[in-house]
Amino acid sequence: MTRLFGTDGIRGVANADLTPDLAYKVGRAGAYILGNGNESNTIIIAKDTRHSGDLLLTALASGMMSMGVDVIDLGVLPTPAVAYLTKKHNFMAGVVISASHNPFEYNGI
């Protein structure tokens, strides 16, 4: 397995390195860790316009919801908007599905 975790999250070629199964497991683990002692029970998720965004967002959200967390799909939004909304509304967390400047076949959480 290639190195997926870095300073900018988890990145890899969508549906090869960064699979729906991995996104689901990351969602479960993230919800478990963030759920301990957090007042909010809601995580917001947004994405960029890459074709793999829906696939990864659905898998990630499914993992989170399987742990009892509420998820709001914000659709396509820039990362700073997710950070702003997370803080303004005191959500448990905000997540963006994006690989920024990487080639289109890549994606990230």
N, C-alpha and C. Protein backbone atom coordinates (compact mmCIF):
# COMPACT_ATOMS: atom_id res chain seq x y z
N MET A 1 0.84 -1.18 0.00
CA MET A 1 0.00 0.00 0.00
C MET A 1 0.89 1.24 0.00
N THR A 2 0.52 2.22 -0.79
CA THR A 2 1.26 3.47 -0.81
C THR A 2 0.92 4.30 0.41
N ARG A 3 1.71 5.30 0.64
CA ARG A 3 1.46 6.20 1.76
C ARG A 3 0.26 7.08 1.43
N LEU A 4 -0.79 7.00 2.24
CA LEU A 4 -2.01 7.76 1.98
C LEU A 4 -2.17 8.94 2.94
N PHE A 5 -1.65 8.83 4.14
CA PHE A 5 -1.85 9.87 5.14
C PHE A 5 -0.72 10.88 5.05
N GLY A 6 -1.07 12.14 5.00
CA GLY A 6 -0.06 13.19 4.95
C GLY A 6 -0.56 14.42 5.68
N THR A 7 0.15 15.52 5.50
CA THR A 7 -0.23 16.75 6.20
C THR A 7 -1.53 17.34 5.66
N ASP A 8 -1.95 16.92 4.48
CA ASP A 8 -3.18 17.43 3.88
C ASP A 8 -4.27 16.37 3.85
N GLY A 9 -4.23 15.43 4.77
CA GLY A 9 -5.26 14.40 4.83
C GLY A 9 -4.84 13.13 4.14
N ILE A 10 -5.83 12.42 3.63
CA ILE A 10 -5.62 11.13 2.97
C ILE A 10 -5.79 11.35 1.47
N ARG A 11 -4.77 11.04 0.70
CA ARG A 11 -4.85 11.26 -0.74
C ARG A 11 -4.42 10.02 -1.49
N GLY A 12 -4.98 9.84 -2.68
CA GLY A 12 -4.59 8.74 -3.54
C GLY A 12 -5.45 8.71 -4.79
N VAL A 13 -5.13 7.80 -5.69
CA VAL A 13 -5.94 7.64 -6.89
C VAL A 13 -7.29 7.07 -6.46
N ALA A 14 -8.34 7.76 -6.84
CA ALA A 14 -9.69 7.37 -6.42
C ALA A 14 -10.04 5.99 -6.98
N ASN A 15 -10.60 5.17 -6.12
CA ASN A 15 -11.06 3.82 -6.43
C ASN A 15 -9.91 2.86 -6.74
N ALA A 16 -8.69 3.28 -6.44
CA ALA A 16 -7.52 2.40 -6.55
C ALA A 16 -6.81 2.40 -5.20
N ASP A 17 -6.17 3.53 -4.85
CA ASP A 17 -5.56 3.68 -3.53
C ASP A 17 -6.61 4.13 -2.50
N LEU A 18 -7.41 5.09 -2.89
CA LEU A 18 -8.44 5.65 -2.02
C LEU A 18 -9.78 5.04 -2.43
N THR A 19 -10.10 3.92 -1.80
CA THR A 19 -11.28 3.14 -2.17
C THR A 19 -12.49 3.51 -1.30
N PRO A 20 -13.68 3.15 -1.75
CA PRO A 20 -14.86 3.35 -0.90
C PRO A 20 -14.74 2.62 0.44
N ASP A 21 -14.15 1.44 0.43
CA ASP A 21 -13.97 0.68 1.68
C ASP A 21 -13.09 1.46 2.66
N LEU A 22 -12.01 2.03 2.16
CA LEU A 22 -11.13 2.82 3.03
C LEU A 22 -11.88 4.06 3.53
N ALA A 23 -12.62 4.74 2.66
CA ALA A 23 -13.38 5.92 3.08
C ALA A 23 -14.40 5.56 4.15
N TYR A 24 -15.07 4.42 3.99
CA TYR A 24 -16.04 3.96 4.99
C TYR A 24 -15.36 3.75 6.34
N LYS A 25 -14.22 3.08 6.33
CA LYS A 25 -13.49 2.81 7.57
C LYS A 25 -12.97 4.09 8.21
N VAL A 26 -12.52 5.04 7.40
CA VAL A 26 -12.08 6.33 7.92
C VAL A 26 -13.27 7.06 8.55
N GLY A 27 -14.43 6.98 7.92
CA GLY A 27 -15.63 7.59 8.48
C GLY A 27 -16.00 7.01 9.82
N ARG A 28 -15.95 5.69 9.94
CA ARG A 28 -16.25 5.03 11.23
C ARG A 28 -15.24 5.45 12.30
N ALA A 29 -13.97 5.40 11.96
CA ALA A 29 -12.92 5.74 12.93
C ALA A 29 -13.02 7.21 13.34
N GLY A 30 -13.22 8.08 12.37
CA GLY A 30 -13.33 9.51 12.67
C GLY A 30 -14.52 9.81 13.57
N ALA A 31 -15.66 9.21 13.27
CA ALA A 31 -16.86 9.43 14.08
C ALA A 31 -16.66 8.90 15.49
N TYR A 32 -16.00 7.77 15.61
CA TYR A 32 -15.74 7.19 16.94
C TYR A 32 -14.85 8.12 17.77
N ILE A 33 -13.77 8.57 17.17
CA ILE A 33 -12.82 9.42 17.90
C ILE A 33 -13.43 10.77 18.22
N LEU A 34 -14.09 11.39 17.25
CA LEU A 34 -14.67 12.72 17.46
C LEU A 34 -15.90 12.69 18.36
N GLY A 35 -16.57 11.54 18.43
CA GLY A 35 -17.79 11.44 19.22
C GLY A 35 -17.57 11.40 20.71
N ASN A 36 -16.38 11.10 21.13
CA ASN A 36 -16.09 11.01 22.57
C ASN A 36 -16.03 12.40 23.19
N GLY A 37 -17.07 12.76 23.94
CA GLY A 37 -17.09 14.02 24.65
C GLY A 37 -17.48 15.23 23.83
N ASN A 38 -17.87 15.06 22.60
CA ASN A 38 -18.25 16.18 21.76
C ASN A 38 -19.73 16.48 21.94
N GLU A 39 -20.08 17.75 22.14
CA GLU A 39 -21.47 18.13 22.35
C GLU A 39 -22.30 17.96 21.08
N SER A 40 -21.72 18.27 19.94
CA SER A 40 -22.44 18.15 18.68
C SER A 40 -22.40 16.71 18.19
N ASN A 41 -23.41 16.31 17.46
CA ASN A 41 -23.47 14.97 16.87
C ASN A 41 -23.54 15.05 15.35
N THR A 42 -23.11 16.18 14.78
CA THR A 42 -23.24 16.40 13.34
C THR A 42 -21.90 16.74 12.71
N ILE A 43 -21.62 16.07 11.60
CA ILE A 43 -20.43 16.36 10.79
C ILE A 43 -20.92 16.83 9.43
N ILE A 44 -20.29 17.90 8.92
CA ILE A 44 -20.62 18.38 7.58
C ILE A 44 -19.54 17.91 6.61
N ILE A 45 -19.96 17.61 5.38
CA ILE A 45 -19.03 17.14 4.35
C ILE A 45 -19.32 17.91 3.06
N ALA A 46 -18.26 18.39 2.42
CA ALA A 46 -18.37 19.02 1.11
C ALA A 46 -17.35 18.36 0.19
N LYS A 47 -17.40 18.72 -1.07
CA LYS A 47 -16.49 18.12 -2.06
C LYS A 47 -16.15 19.14 -3.13
N ASP A 48 -15.15 18.79 -3.95
CA ASP A 48 -14.88 19.58 -5.13
C ASP A 48 -15.60 18.93 -6.31
N THR A 49 -15.24 19.26 -7.52
CA THR A 49 -16.00 18.79 -8.69
C THR A 49 -15.45 17.51 -9.33
N ARG A 50 -14.55 16.82 -8.68
CA ARG A 50 -14.02 15.58 -9.26
C ARG A 50 -15.12 14.52 -9.33
N HIS A 51 -15.07 13.69 -10.36
CA HIS A 51 -16.10 12.67 -10.56
C HIS A 51 -16.19 11.67 -9.41
N SER A 52 -15.08 11.43 -8.74
CA SER A 52 -15.07 10.45 -7.65
C SER A 52 -15.62 11.02 -6.34
N GLY A 53 -15.96 12.28 -6.31
CA GLY A 53 -16.42 12.91 -5.08
C GLY A 53 -17.65 12.26 -4.48
N ASP A 54 -18.65 11.96 -5.31
CA ASP A 54 -19.88 11.34 -4.80
C ASP A 54 -19.60 9.96 -4.22
N LEU A 55 -18.78 9.18 -4.90
CA LEU A 55 -18.43 7.84 -4.44
C LEU A 55 -17.80 7.89 -3.05
N LEU A 56 -16.81 8.75 -2.89
CA LEU A 56 -16.09 8.83 -1.61
C LEU A 56 -16.92 9.49 -0.52
N LEU A 57 -17.69 10.51 -0.88
CA LEU A 57 -18.53 11.17 0.11
C LEU A 57 -19.57 10.20 0.66
N THR A 58 -20.19 9.44 -0.21
CA THR A 58 -21.21 8.48 0.23
C THR A 58 -20.62 7.42 1.16
N ALA A 59 -19.45 6.91 0.80
CA ALA A 59 -18.81 5.88 1.63
C ALA A 59 -18.39 6.46 2.98
N LEU A 60 -17.79 7.65 2.96
CA LEU A 60 -17.35 8.29 4.20
C LEU A 60 -18.54 8.57 5.10
N ALA A 61 -19.59 9.15 4.54
CA ALA A 61 -20.79 9.47 5.32
C ALA A 61 -21.44 8.21 5.87
N SER A 62 -21.46 7.13 5.09
CA SER A 62 -22.03 5.87 5.56
C SER A 62 -21.29 5.35 6.79
N GLY A 63 -19.98 5.44 6.76
CA GLY A 63 -19.19 5.02 7.92
C GLY A 63 -19.50 5.86 9.14
N MET A 64 -19.63 7.15 8.95
CA MET A 64 -19.95 8.05 10.07
C MET A 64 -21.33 7.76 10.63
N MET A 65 -22.29 7.60 9.74
CA MET A 65 -23.67 7.35 10.18
C MET A 65 -23.81 5.99 10.86
N SER A 66 -22.98 5.02 10.45
CA SER A 66 -23.03 3.71 11.10
C SER A 66 -22.60 3.78 12.56
N MET A 67 -21.95 4.88 12.93
CA MET A 67 -21.52 5.10 14.31
C MET A 67 -22.49 6.04 15.05
N GLY A 68 -23.61 6.35 14.43
CA GLY A 68 -24.63 7.17 15.08
C GLY A 68 -24.47 8.67 14.91
N VAL A 69 -23.60 9.08 14.00
CA VAL A 69 -23.37 10.51 13.77
C VAL A 69 -24.29 10.99 12.65
N ASP A 70 -24.81 12.19 12.80
CA ASP A 70 -25.59 12.83 11.74
C ASP A 70 -24.63 13.48 10.75
N VAL A 71 -24.92 13.37 9.46
CA VAL A 71 -24.07 13.92 8.42
C VAL A 71 -24.89 14.83 7.53
N ILE A 72 -24.35 16.00 7.23
CA ILE A 72 -24.97 16.92 6.29
C ILE A 72 -24.07 17.03 5.07
N ASP A 73 -24.60 16.69 3.90
CA ASP A 73 -23.89 16.79 2.63
C ASP A 73 -24.10 18.20 2.10
N LEU A 74 -23.05 19.00 2.05
CA LEU A 74 -23.13 20.38 1.60
C LEU A 74 -22.95 20.54 0.09
N GLY A 75 -22.64 19.43 -0.60
CA GLY A 75 -22.41 19.53 -2.04
C GLY A 75 -21.04 20.13 -2.32
N VAL A 76 -20.94 20.88 -3.41
CA VAL A 76 -19.67 21.47 -3.83
C VAL A 76 -19.46 22.80 -3.10
N LEU A 77 -18.39 22.86 -2.33
CA LEU A 77 -18.02 24.07 -1.59
C LEU A 77 -16.50 24.12 -1.45
N PRO A 78 -15.93 25.31 -1.36
CA PRO A 78 -14.49 25.41 -1.11
C PRO A 78 -14.16 25.09 0.35
N THR A 79 -12.96 24.64 0.58
CA THR A 79 -12.51 24.25 1.91
C THR A 79 -12.71 25.35 2.96
N PRO A 80 -12.36 26.61 2.66
CA PRO A 80 -12.56 27.64 3.70
C PRO A 80 -14.03 27.79 4.13
N ALA A 81 -14.96 27.55 3.22
CA ALA A 81 -16.38 27.64 3.59
C ALA A 81 -16.74 26.55 4.59
N VAL A 82 -16.19 25.37 4.43
CA VAL A 82 -16.46 24.27 5.37
C VAL A 82 -15.87 24.60 6.74
N ALA A 83 -14.67 25.13 6.76
CA ALA A 83 -14.05 25.53 8.04
C ALA A 83 -14.91 26.59 8.73
N TYR A 84 -15.35 27.57 7.98
CA TYR A 84 -16.18 28.64 8.55
C TYR A 84 -17.49 28.09 9.11
N LEU A 85 -18.19 27.28 8.33
CA LEU A 85 -19.48 26.74 8.77
C LEU A 85 -19.33 25.81 9.97
N THR A 86 -18.26 25.04 10.00
CA THR A 86 -18.02 24.13 11.13
C THR A 86 -17.91 24.92 12.43
N LYS A 87 -17.13 25.98 12.39
CA LYS A 87 -16.94 26.78 13.60
C LYS A 87 -18.20 27.59 13.93
N LYS A 88 -18.81 28.21 12.93
CA LYS A 88 -19.98 29.07 13.17
C LYS A 88 -21.14 28.30 13.81
N HIS A 89 -21.36 27.06 13.35
CA HIS A 89 -22.50 26.27 13.83
C HIS A 89 -22.10 25.20 14.84
N ASN A 90 -20.84 25.21 15.27
CA ASN A 90 -20.35 24.29 16.29
C ASN A 90 -20.59 22.82 15.94
N PHE A 91 -20.35 22.47 14.66
CA PHE A 91 -20.47 21.08 14.26
C PHE A 91 -19.32 20.26 14.85
N MET A 92 -19.53 18.97 14.96
CA MET A 92 -18.50 18.07 15.46
C MET A 92 -17.23 18.17 14.61
N ALA A 93 -17.41 18.24 13.30
CA ALA A 93 -16.28 18.34 12.38
C ALA A 93 -16.78 18.77 11.01
N GLY A 94 -15.85 19.21 10.20
CA GLY A 94 -16.11 19.49 8.79
C GLY A 94 -15.08 18.76 7.96
N VAL A 95 -15.53 18.13 6.89
CA VAL A 95 -14.65 17.33 6.04
C VAL A 95 -14.82 17.77 4.60
N VAL A 96 -13.71 17.80 3.85
CA VAL A 96 -13.76 18.12 2.43
C VAL A 96 -13.16 16.96 1.65
N ILE A 97 -13.89 16.53 0.62
CA ILE A 97 -13.40 15.52 -0.32
C ILE A 97 -12.77 16.28 -1.49
N SER A 98 -11.45 16.31 -1.53
CA SER A 98 -10.74 17.08 -2.55
C SER A 98 -9.28 16.66 -2.58
N ALA A 99 -8.67 16.77 -3.74
CA ALA A 99 -7.23 16.53 -3.83
C ALA A 99 -6.52 17.79 -4.31
N SER A 100 -7.19 18.94 -4.17
CA SER A 100 -6.60 20.24 -4.44
C SER A 100 -5.99 20.32 -5.84
N HIS A 101 -4.71 20.52 -5.91
CA HIS A 101 -4.01 20.73 -7.18
C HIS A 101 -3.54 19.44 -7.85
N ASN A 102 -3.79 18.29 -7.24
CA ASN A 102 -3.34 17.02 -7.81
C ASN A 102 -4.14 16.68 -9.07
N PRO A 103 -3.61 15.80 -9.92
CA PRO A 103 -4.32 15.41 -11.14
C PRO A 103 -5.73 14.90 -10.85
N PHE A 104 -6.59 14.97 -11.83
CA PHE A 104 -8.01 14.72 -11.68
C PHE A 104 -8.33 13.30 -11.19
N GLU A 105 -7.49 12.31 -11.49
CA GLU A 105 -7.79 10.94 -11.05
C GLU A 105 -7.57 10.75 -9.54
N TYR A 106 -6.91 11.69 -8.91
CA TYR A 106 -6.68 11.65 -7.47
C TYR A 106 -7.87 12.25 -6.74
N ASN A 107 -8.00 11.90 -5.47
CA ASN A 107 -8.94 12.56 -4.58
C ASN A 107 -8.40 12.43 -3.18
N GLY A 108 -9.07 13.06 -2.24
CA GLY A 108 -8.60 13.02 -0.87
C GLY A 108 -9.71 13.30 0.12
N ILE A 109 -9.44 12.98 1.36
CA ILE A 109 -10.36 13.24 2.46
C ILE A 109 -9.64 14.18 3.42
